[in-house]
Amino acid sequence: MRKLDNLISGYKVVEYEEVDSTMITLKELAISGCDINTAVWAKKQRIGRGRHGREWSSPEGNLYLSFLRNSENDKSKNIFAPVFIVAIVIAHSIKDLSCNNIVPNIKWPNDILIKKAKVAGILIENISLSESFNILNIGFGINIVSNPTNTLYPATNLKTEGIETNSKEFIKAFFKNLKSFEEIYIREGINEIYRIWSLLGHKIGEPISVKIGEKKIFGSFNGLNKDGGLLILDDAGIEKVVMAGDVFLL
């Protein structure tokens, strides 16, 4: 374990050769009282995980990072703001590192795609430090030089897409963009975040399906509701709101 001095202004990035998962390690640090501006970066994970408890393949060469963020106020209607902000930040970081040659897309709510193949995933969990104080543990993985092949969605990596970078460069780009978009959120509110997300997200009328448990809904994307839920017009023309589920592009 070592701290990366002067790597990121405002963040203490702690580097590990290998951990069970960056989220587990960061949670332990948070419970022990580390600063809110702490991040954990590992070169390898033994038991990395994605959404719904799925395994996240974690070979060396890709990026695995978790950081802490204050949670939204319990009275706030914007509890999903961090989900959209981090997805936007990752997408813009990829865009920057490609010198604007590649503009990723976001699959609701927060998978990052290049040419309809997944290149990054995000996982967010709440940590209760007391009865009245919660923080967020936000982890993400970026396929930089390799990607798994036996996955629920097609996958790719930055190297395959022509982006030559490494974990340290990506971390720098990520935290630079995170600062910018968090400032936009504070200054202009959640609707501006939804607007920015929509530039990279699904287009109105795009055919999609959503798997919720064992049920699958087929239809077309019809925007976001005020809480960030996905609106889908099903095959019968009835609009439904989805707050959690797996989206598939058709």
C-alpha atoms as a PDB file:
ATOM      1  CA  MET A   1       0.000   0.000   0.000  1.00  0.00           C
ATOM      2  CA  ARG A   2       1.207   3.504  -0.801  1.00  0.00           C
ATOM      3  CA  LYS A   3      -0.243   6.970  -1.204  1.00  0.00           C
ATOM      4  CA  LEU A   4       0.175   8.703  -4.535  1.00  0.00           C
ATOM      5  CA  ASP A   5       1.423  12.131  -3.547  1.00  0.00           C
ATOM      6  CA  ASN A   6       0.516  14.995  -5.861  1.00  0.00           C
ATOM      7  CA  LEU A   7      -1.403  12.672  -8.173  1.00  0.00           C
ATOM      8  CA  ILE A   8      -4.797  14.210  -7.588  1.00  0.00           C
ATOM      9  CA  SER A   9      -5.426  17.626  -6.101  1.00  0.00           C
ATOM     10  CA  GLY A  10      -7.938  17.251  -3.295  1.00  0.00           C
ATOM     11  CA  TYR A  11      -7.949  13.434  -3.181  1.00  0.00           C
ATOM     12  CA  LYS A  12      -5.768  11.006  -1.254  1.00  0.00           C
ATOM     13  CA  VAL A  13      -5.411   8.072  -3.627  1.00  0.00           C
ATOM     14  CA  VAL A  14      -4.149   4.967  -1.852  1.00  0.00           C
ATOM     15  CA  GLU A  15      -2.619   2.380  -4.192  1.00  0.00           C
ATOM     16  CA  TYR A  16      -2.600  -1.380  -3.568  1.00  0.00           C
ATOM     17  CA  GLU A  17      -1.037  -4.154  -5.609  1.00  0.00           C
ATOM     18  CA  GLU A  18      -4.005  -6.442  -4.961  1.00  0.00           C
ATOM     19  CA  VAL A  19      -7.149  -6.397  -2.798  1.00  0.00           C
ATOM     20  CA  ASP A  20     -10.311  -8.458  -2.486  1.00  0.00           C
ATOM     21  CA  SER A  21     -12.120  -5.430  -3.896  1.00  0.00           C
ATOM     22  CA  THR A  22     -11.519  -1.695  -3.760  1.00  0.00           C
ATOM     23  CA  MET A  23     -15.005  -1.173  -2.335  1.00  0.00           C
ATOM     24  CA  ILE A  24     -14.396  -3.578   0.543  1.00  0.00           C
ATOM     25  CA  THR A  25     -11.047  -1.954   1.323  1.00  0.00           C
ATOM     26  CA  LEU A  26     -12.454   1.572   1.155  1.00  0.00           C
ATOM     27  CA  LYS A  27     -15.424   0.639   3.336  1.00  0.00           C
ATOM     28  CA  GLU A  28     -13.017  -0.620   5.988  1.00  0.00           C
ATOM     29  CA  LEU A  29     -11.052   2.637   5.778  1.00  0.00           C
ATOM     30  CA  ALA A  30     -14.254   4.690   6.006  1.00  0.00           C
ATOM     31  CA  ILE A  31     -15.470   2.838   9.095  1.00  0.00           C
ATOM     32  CA  SER A  32     -12.048   3.346  10.689  1.00  0.00           C
ATOM     33  CA  GLY A  33     -12.396   7.108  10.171  1.00  0.00           C
ATOM     34  CA  CYS A  34     -10.544   8.044   6.972  1.00  0.00           C
ATOM     35  CA  ASP A  35     -11.146  11.408   5.278  1.00  0.00           C
ATOM     36  CA  ILE A  36     -14.052  11.825   2.862  1.00  0.00           C
ATOM     37  CA  ASN A  37     -11.534  12.642   0.103  1.00  0.00           C
ATOM     38  CA  THR A  38      -9.983   9.158   0.189  1.00  0.00           C
ATOM     39  CA  ALA A  39      -9.840   6.876  -2.861  1.00  0.00           C
ATOM     40  CA  VAL A  40      -8.551   3.314  -3.230  1.00  0.00           C
ATOM     41  CA  TRP A  41      -6.875   2.110  -6.432  1.00  0.00           C
ATOM     42  CA  ALA A  42      -5.830  -1.518  -6.930  1.00  0.00           C
ATOM     43  CA  LYS A  43      -3.914  -3.115  -9.774  1.00  0.00           C
ATOM     44  CA  LYS A  44      -5.836  -6.368  -9.277  1.00  0.00           C
ATOM     45  CA  GLN A  45      -8.957  -7.510  -7.426  1.00  0.00           C
ATOM     46  CA  ARG A  46      -9.542 -11.031  -6.187  1.00  0.00           C
ATOM     47  CA  ILE A  47     -13.330 -10.788  -5.867  1.00  0.00           C
ATOM     48  CA  GLY A  48     -14.380  -7.714  -7.828  1.00  0.00           C
ATOM     49  CA  ARG A  49     -18.129  -7.377  -8.263  1.00  0.00           C
ATOM     50  CA  GLY A  50     -20.566  -5.485 -10.427  1.00  0.00           C
ATOM     51  CA  ARG A  51     -24.264  -4.704 -10.193  1.00  0.00           C
ATOM     52  CA  HIS A  52     -26.616  -7.327  -8.737  1.00  0.00           C
ATOM     53  CA  GLY A  53     -23.620  -9.154  -7.219  1.00  0.00           C
ATOM     54  CA  ARG A  54     -22.192 -10.218 -10.568  1.00  0.00           C
ATOM     55  CA  GLU A  55     -18.480 -10.976 -10.769  1.00  0.00           C
ATOM     56  CA  TRP A  56     -16.301  -8.219 -12.257  1.00  0.00           C
ATOM     57  CA  SER A  57     -13.256  -9.722 -13.971  1.00  0.00           C
ATOM     58  CA  SER A  58     -10.213  -7.892 -12.581  1.00  0.00           C
ATOM     59  CA  PRO A  59      -6.918  -8.760 -14.306  1.00  0.00           C
ATOM     60  CA  GLU A  60      -3.908  -6.475 -14.052  1.00  0.00           C
ATOM     61  CA  GLY A  61      -3.742  -3.636 -16.553  1.00  0.00           C
ATOM     62  CA  ASN A  62      -7.300  -2.373 -16.123  1.00  0.00           C
ATOM     63  CA  LEU A  63      -8.484   0.235 -13.626  1.00  0.00           C
ATOM     64  CA  TYR A  64     -10.277  -0.566 -10.363  1.00  0.00           C
ATOM     65  CA  LEU A  65     -10.994   2.422  -8.152  1.00  0.00           C
ATOM     66  CA  SER A  66     -13.375   3.431  -5.363  1.00  0.00           C
ATOM     67  CA  PHE A  67     -13.854   6.828  -3.757  1.00  0.00           C
ATOM     68  CA  LEU A  68     -16.044   8.386  -1.097  1.00  0.00           C
ATOM     69  CA  ARG A  69     -18.707  11.026  -1.614  1.00  0.00           C
ATOM     70  CA  ASN A  70     -21.216  12.660   0.672  1.00  0.00           C
ATOM     71  CA  SER A  71     -24.658  11.163   0.165  1.00  0.00           C
ATOM     72  CA  GLU A  72     -27.609  13.286  -0.801  1.00  0.00           C
ATOM     73  CA  ASN A  73     -29.680  14.675   2.039  1.00  0.00           C
ATOM     74  CA  ASP A  74     -32.470  12.287   3.104  1.00  0.00           C
ATOM     75  CA  LYS A  75     -34.985  15.007   2.206  1.00  0.00           C
ATOM     76  CA  SER A  76     -33.455  15.525  -1.239  1.00  0.00           C
ATOM     77  CA  LYS A  77     -35.292  14.272  -4.310  1.00  0.00           C
ATOM     78  CA  ASN A  78     -31.943  13.821  -6.052  1.00  0.00           C
ATOM     79  CA  ILE A  79     -30.741  10.618  -4.411  1.00  0.00           C
ATOM     80  CA  PHE A  80     -29.748   9.209  -7.821  1.00  0.00           C
ATOM     81  CA  ALA A  81     -27.670  12.269  -8.774  1.00  0.00           C
ATOM     82  CA  PRO A  82     -24.326  10.531  -8.021  1.00  0.00           C
ATOM     83  CA  VAL A  83     -25.216   7.676 -10.399  1.00  0.00           C
ATOM     84  CA  PHE A  84     -25.678  10.056 -13.318  1.00  0.00           C
ATOM     85  CA  ILE A  85     -22.765  12.334 -12.399  1.00  0.00           C
ATOM     86  CA  VAL A  86     -20.199   9.527 -12.223  1.00  0.00           C
ATOM     87  CA  ALA A  87     -21.402   8.020 -15.509  1.00  0.00           C
ATOM     88  CA  ILE A  88     -21.045  11.416 -17.193  1.00  0.00           C
ATOM     89  CA  VAL A  89     -17.588  11.897 -15.686  1.00  0.00           C
ATOM     90  CA  ILE A  90     -16.295   8.536 -16.915  1.00  0.00           C
ATOM     91  CA  ALA A  91     -17.707   9.094 -20.389  1.00  0.00           C
ATOM     92  CA  HIS A  92     -16.144  12.558 -20.644  1.00  0.00           C
ATOM     93  CA  SER A  93     -12.818  11.233 -19.330  1.00  0.00           C
ATOM     94  CA  ILE A  94     -12.758   8.651 -22.132  1.00  0.00           C
ATOM     95  CA  LYS A  95     -13.660  11.381 -24.615  1.00  0.00           C
ATOM     96  CA  ASP A  96     -10.809  13.580 -23.334  1.00  0.00           C
ATOM     97  CA  LEU A  97      -8.241  10.768 -23.407  1.00  0.00           C
ATOM     98  CA  SER A  98      -9.219   9.950 -27.005  1.00  0.00           C
ATOM     99  CA  CYS A  99      -8.649  13.597 -27.970  1.00  0.00           C
ATOM    100  CA  ASN A 100     -12.378  13.790 -28.772  1.00  0.00           C
ATOM    101  CA  ASN A 101     -12.130  10.994 -31.332  1.00  0.00           C
ATOM    102  CA  ILE A 102     -14.417   8.705 -29.349  1.00  0.00           C
ATOM    103  CA  VAL A 103     -17.638   9.798 -27.675  1.00  0.00           C
ATOM    104  CA  PRO A 104     -18.967   6.964 -25.468  1.00  0.00           C
ATOM    105  CA  ASN A 105     -22.623   6.329 -24.792  1.00  0.00           C
ATOM    106  CA  ILE A 106     -24.302   5.711 -21.450  1.00  0.00           C
ATOM    107  CA  LYS A 107     -26.715   2.809 -21.030  1.00  0.00           C
ATOM    108  CA  TRP A 108     -29.225   3.645 -18.308  1.00  0.00           C
ATOM    109  CA  PRO A 109     -28.393   4.290 -15.646  1.00  0.00           C
ATOM    110  CA  ASN A 110     -24.604   4.093 -15.619  1.00  0.00           C
ATOM    111  CA  ASP A 111     -22.934   1.570 -17.936  1.00  0.00           C
ATOM    112  CA  ILE A 112     -20.448   3.147 -20.334  1.00  0.00           C
ATOM    113  CA  LEU A 113     -20.469   1.817 -23.902  1.00  0.00           C
ATOM    114  CA  ILE A 114     -18.313   2.244 -26.986  1.00  0.00           C
ATOM    115  CA  LYS A 115     -20.005   1.023 -30.165  1.00  0.00           C
ATOM    116  CA  LYS A 116     -22.657  -0.737 -28.025  1.00  0.00           C
ATOM    117  CA  ALA A 117     -19.995  -2.703 -26.089  1.00  0.00           C
ATOM    118  CA  LYS A 118     -19.453  -2.157 -22.367  1.00  0.00           C
ATOM    119  CA  VAL A 119     -16.141  -0.563 -21.392  1.00  0.00           C
ATOM    120  CA  ALA A 120     -16.900   0.537 -17.821  1.00  0.00           C
ATOM    121  CA  GLY A 121     -19.278  -0.189 -14.964  1.00  0.00           C
ATOM    122  CA  ILE A 122     -20.167   1.614 -11.754  1.00  0.00           C
ATOM    123  CA  LEU A 123     -21.289   0.366  -8.359  1.00  0.00           C
ATOM    124  CA  ILE A 124     -22.536   2.585  -5.522  1.00  0.00           C
ATOM    125  CA  GLU A 125     -23.238   1.546  -1.948  1.00  0.00           C
ATOM    126  CA  ASN A 126     -24.315   3.470   1.115  1.00  0.00           C
ATOM    127  CA  ILE A 127     -22.185   3.343   4.276  1.00  0.00           C
ATOM    128  CA  SER A 128     -23.928   4.239   7.546  1.00  0.00           C
ATOM    129  CA  LEU A 129     -21.337   5.698   9.889  1.00  0.00           C
ATOM    130  CA  SER A 130     -23.957   6.596  12.483  1.00  0.00           C
ATOM    131  CA  GLU A 131     -27.724   6.808  12.809  1.00  0.00           C
ATOM    132  CA  SER A 132     -27.690  10.240  11.187  1.00  0.00           C
ATOM    133  CA  PHE A 133     -24.597  10.229   8.957  1.00  0.00           C
ATOM    134  CA  ASN A 134     -24.221   8.293   5.696  1.00  0.00           C
ATOM    135  CA  ILE A 135     -21.630   8.467   2.947  1.00  0.00           C
ATOM    136  CA  LEU A 136     -21.381   6.838  -0.467  1.00  0.00           C
ATOM    137  CA  ASN A 137     -18.771   4.310  -1.525  1.00  0.00           C
ATOM    138  CA  ILE A 138     -18.540   4.639  -5.315  1.00  0.00           C
ATOM    139  CA  GLY A 139     -16.530   2.060  -7.239  1.00  0.00           C
ATOM    140  CA  PHE A 140     -15.888   1.655 -10.926  1.00  0.00           C
ATOM    141  CA  GLY A 141     -13.905  -0.497 -13.291  1.00  0.00           C
ATOM    142  CA  ILE A 142     -12.513   0.533 -16.671  1.00  0.00           C
ATOM    143  CA  ASN A 143     -11.426  -2.015 -19.273  1.00  0.00           C
ATOM    144  CA  ILE A 144      -8.189  -0.334 -20.344  1.00  0.00           C
ATOM    145  CA  VAL A 145      -6.187  -3.104 -22.022  1.00  0.00           C
ATOM    146  CA  SER A 146      -8.445  -6.168 -21.865  1.00  0.00           C
ATOM    147  CA  ASN A 147     -12.054  -7.234 -21.411  1.00  0.00           C
ATOM    148  CA  PRO A 148     -13.938 -10.400 -20.519  1.00  0.00           C
ATOM    149  CA  THR A 149     -15.718 -12.307 -23.263  1.00  0.00           C
ATOM    150  CA  ASN A 150     -18.280 -14.395 -21.344  1.00  0.00           C
ATOM    151  CA  THR A 151     -20.461 -11.485 -20.261  1.00  0.00           C
ATOM    152  CA  LEU A 152     -24.149 -10.554 -20.174  1.00  0.00           C
ATOM    153  CA  TYR A 153     -23.425  -7.636 -22.539  1.00  0.00           C
ATOM    154  CA  PRO A 154     -20.798  -7.350 -25.301  1.00  0.00           C
ATOM    155  CA  ALA A 155     -17.579  -5.851 -23.880  1.00  0.00           C
ATOM    156  CA  THR A 156     -14.586  -3.943 -25.199  1.00  0.00           C
ATOM    157  CA  ASN A 157     -11.529  -2.108 -23.889  1.00  0.00           C
ATOM    158  CA  LEU A 158      -9.911   1.263 -24.527  1.00  0.00           C
ATOM    159  CA  LYS A 159      -6.837  -0.197 -26.228  1.00  0.00           C
ATOM    160  CA  THR A 160      -8.971  -2.106 -28.731  1.00  0.00           C
ATOM    161  CA  GLU A 161     -10.817   1.135 -29.468  1.00  0.00           C
ATOM    162  CA  GLY A 162      -7.544   2.935 -30.194  1.00  0.00           C
ATOM    163  CA  ILE A 163      -7.112   4.804 -26.892  1.00  0.00           C
ATOM    164  CA  GLU A 164      -3.597   4.434 -25.493  1.00  0.00           C
ATOM    165  CA  THR A 165      -3.716   5.276 -21.777  1.00  0.00           C
ATOM    166  CA  ASN A 166      -3.088   3.777 -18.349  1.00  0.00           C
ATOM    167  CA  SER A 167      -4.721   3.755 -14.932  1.00  0.00           C
ATOM    168  CA  LYS A 168      -2.816   6.737 -13.573  1.00  0.00           C
ATOM    169  CA  GLU A 169      -3.734   8.931 -16.541  1.00  0.00           C
ATOM    170  CA  PHE A 170      -7.360   7.885 -16.287  1.00  0.00           C
ATOM    171  CA  ILE A 171      -7.498   8.660 -12.565  1.00  0.00           C
ATOM    172  CA  LYS A 172      -6.188  12.169 -13.239  1.00  0.00           C
ATOM    173  CA  ALA A 173      -8.758  12.759 -15.985  1.00  0.00           C
ATOM    174  CA  PHE A 174     -11.545  11.310 -13.841  1.00  0.00           C
ATOM    175  CA  PHE A 175     -11.036  13.513 -10.790  1.00  0.00           C
ATOM    176  CA  LYS A 176     -10.546  16.609 -12.933  1.00  0.00           C
ATOM    177  CA  ASN A 177     -13.896  15.974 -14.618  1.00  0.00           C
ATOM    178  CA  LEU A 178     -15.544  14.974 -11.340  1.00  0.00           C
ATOM    179  CA  LYS A 179     -14.748  18.371  -9.862  1.00  0.00           C
ATOM    180  CA  SER A 180     -16.178  20.143 -12.923  1.00  0.00           C
ATOM    181  CA  PHE A 181     -19.450  18.204 -13.063  1.00  0.00           C
ATOM    182  CA  GLU A 182     -20.038  18.308  -9.305  1.00  0.00           C
ATOM    183  CA  GLU A 183     -19.710  22.101  -9.567  1.00  0.00           C
ATOM    184  CA  ILE A 184     -22.267  22.118 -12.399  1.00  0.00           C
ATOM    185  CA  TYR A 185     -24.629  20.064 -10.226  1.00  0.00           C
ATOM    186  CA  ILE A 186     -24.258  22.446  -7.281  1.00  0.00           C
ATOM    187  CA  ARG A 187     -24.637  25.522  -9.457  1.00  0.00           C
ATOM    188  CA  GLU A 188     -27.369  24.441 -11.904  1.00  0.00           C
ATOM    189  CA  GLY A 189     -29.139  21.484 -10.324  1.00  0.00           C
ATOM    190  CA  ILE A 190     -30.215  17.992 -11.265  1.00  0.00           C
ATOM    191  CA  ASN A 191     -32.069  18.947 -14.451  1.00  0.00           C
ATOM    192  CA  GLU A 192     -28.825  20.135 -16.005  1.00  0.00           C
ATOM    193  CA  ILE A 193     -27.206  16.813 -15.075  1.00  0.00           C
ATOM    194  CA  TYR A 194     -30.093  14.972 -16.753  1.00  0.00           C
ATOM    195  CA  ARG A 195     -29.665  17.175 -19.833  1.00  0.00           C
ATOM    196  CA  ILE A 196     -25.934  16.402 -20.052  1.00  0.00           C
ATOM    197  CA  TRP A 197     -26.634  12.705 -19.485  1.00  0.00           C
ATOM    198  CA  SER A 198     -29.186  12.729 -22.306  1.00  0.00           C
ATOM    199  CA  LEU A 199     -26.532  13.909 -24.773  1.00  0.00           C
ATOM    200  CA  LEU A 200     -24.722  10.600 -24.207  1.00  0.00           C
ATOM    201  CA  GLY A 201     -27.639   8.397 -23.170  1.00  0.00           C
ATOM    202  CA  HIS A 202     -30.492   6.761 -25.055  1.00  0.00           C
ATOM    203  CA  LYS A 203     -32.340   8.744 -27.696  1.00  0.00           C
ATOM    204  CA  ILE A 204     -36.102   9.182 -27.594  1.00  0.00           C
ATOM    205  CA  GLY A 205     -37.712   6.359 -29.554  1.00  0.00           C
ATOM    206  CA  GLU A 206     -34.663   4.075 -29.357  1.00  0.00           C
ATOM    207  CA  PRO A 207     -35.800   0.430 -29.102  1.00  0.00           C
ATOM    208  CA  ILE A 208     -34.797  -1.183 -25.804  1.00  0.00           C
ATOM    209  CA  SER A 209     -35.816  -3.943 -23.456  1.00  0.00           C
ATOM    210  CA  VAL A 210     -35.640  -3.923 -19.676  1.00  0.00           C
ATOM    211  CA  LYS A 211     -35.273  -7.049 -17.544  1.00  0.00           C
ATOM    212  CA  ILE A 212     -36.783  -6.693 -14.076  1.00  0.00           C
ATOM    213  CA  GLY A 213     -36.350  -9.905 -12.152  1.00  0.00           C
ATOM    214  CA  GLU A 214     -37.708 -12.619 -14.428  1.00  0.00           C
ATOM    215  CA  LYS A 215     -39.904 -10.193 -16.360  1.00  0.00           C
ATOM    216  CA  LYS A 216     -38.825  -8.447 -19.572  1.00  0.00           C
ATOM    217  CA  ILE A 217     -40.420  -5.313 -21.031  1.00  0.00           C
ATOM    218  CA  PHE A 218     -39.951  -4.477 -24.718  1.00  0.00           C
ATOM    219  CA  GLY A 219     -40.539  -1.007 -26.073  1.00  0.00           C
ATOM    220  CA  SER A 220     -38.856   2.318 -26.763  1.00  0.00           C
ATOM    221  CA  PHE A 221     -37.008   4.819 -24.600  1.00  0.00           C
ATOM    222  CA  ASN A 222     -39.183   7.793 -23.679  1.00  0.00           C
ATOM    223  CA  GLY A 223     -36.845   9.870 -21.500  1.00  0.00           C
ATOM    224  CA  LEU A 224     -36.244  10.184 -17.761  1.00  0.00           C
ATOM    225  CA  ASN A 225     -38.716  11.134 -15.062  1.00  0.00           C
ATOM    226  CA  LYS A 226     -37.927  13.782 -12.429  1.00  0.00           C
ATOM    227  CA  ASP A 227     -36.258  11.168 -10.196  1.00  0.00           C
ATOM    228  CA  GLY A 228     -33.994   9.764 -12.925  1.00  0.00           C
ATOM    229  CA  GLY A 229     -36.180   6.740 -13.597  1.00  0.00           C
ATOM    230  CA  LEU A 230     -36.256   5.314 -17.114  1.00  0.00           C
ATOM    231  CA  LEU A 231     -39.469   5.862 -19.055  1.00  0.00           C
ATOM    232  CA  ILE A 232     -40.304   3.131 -21.542  1.00  0.00           C
ATOM    233  CA  LEU A 233     -43.228   2.949 -23.939  1.00  0.00           C
ATOM    234  CA  ASP A 234     -44.095  -0.730 -24.103  1.00  0.00           C
ATOM    235  CA  ASP A 235     -45.338  -2.507 -27.218  1.00  0.00           C
ATOM    236  CA  ALA A 236     -48.900  -1.557 -26.265  1.00  0.00           C
ATOM    237  CA  GLY A 237     -47.985   2.131 -26.141  1.00  0.00           C
ATOM    238  CA  ILE A 238     -48.263   2.312 -22.343  1.00  0.00           C
ATOM    239  CA  GLU A 239     -45.578   4.335 -20.568  1.00  0.00           C
ATOM    240  CA  LYS A 240     -43.916   2.606 -17.636  1.00  0.00           C
ATOM    241  CA  VAL A 241     -41.374   3.876 -15.113  1.00  0.00           C
ATOM    242  CA  VAL A 242     -38.347   1.708 -14.331  1.00  0.00           C
ATOM    243  CA  MET A 243     -36.262   2.550 -11.252  1.00  0.00           C
ATOM    244  CA  ALA A 244     -34.098  -0.577 -11.328  1.00  0.00           C
ATOM    245  CA  GLY A 245     -33.425  -3.167 -14.005  1.00  0.00           C
ATOM    246  CA  ASP A 246     -31.096  -4.389 -16.748  1.00  0.00           C
ATOM    247  CA  VAL A 247     -31.419  -2.490 -20.025  1.00  0.00           C
ATOM    248  CA  PHE A 248     -30.647  -4.191 -23.324  1.00  0.00           C
ATOM    249  CA  LEU A 249     -30.188  -2.376 -26.627  1.00  0.00           C
ATOM    250  CA  LEU A 250     -32.210  -3.823 -29.521  1.00  0.00           C
END
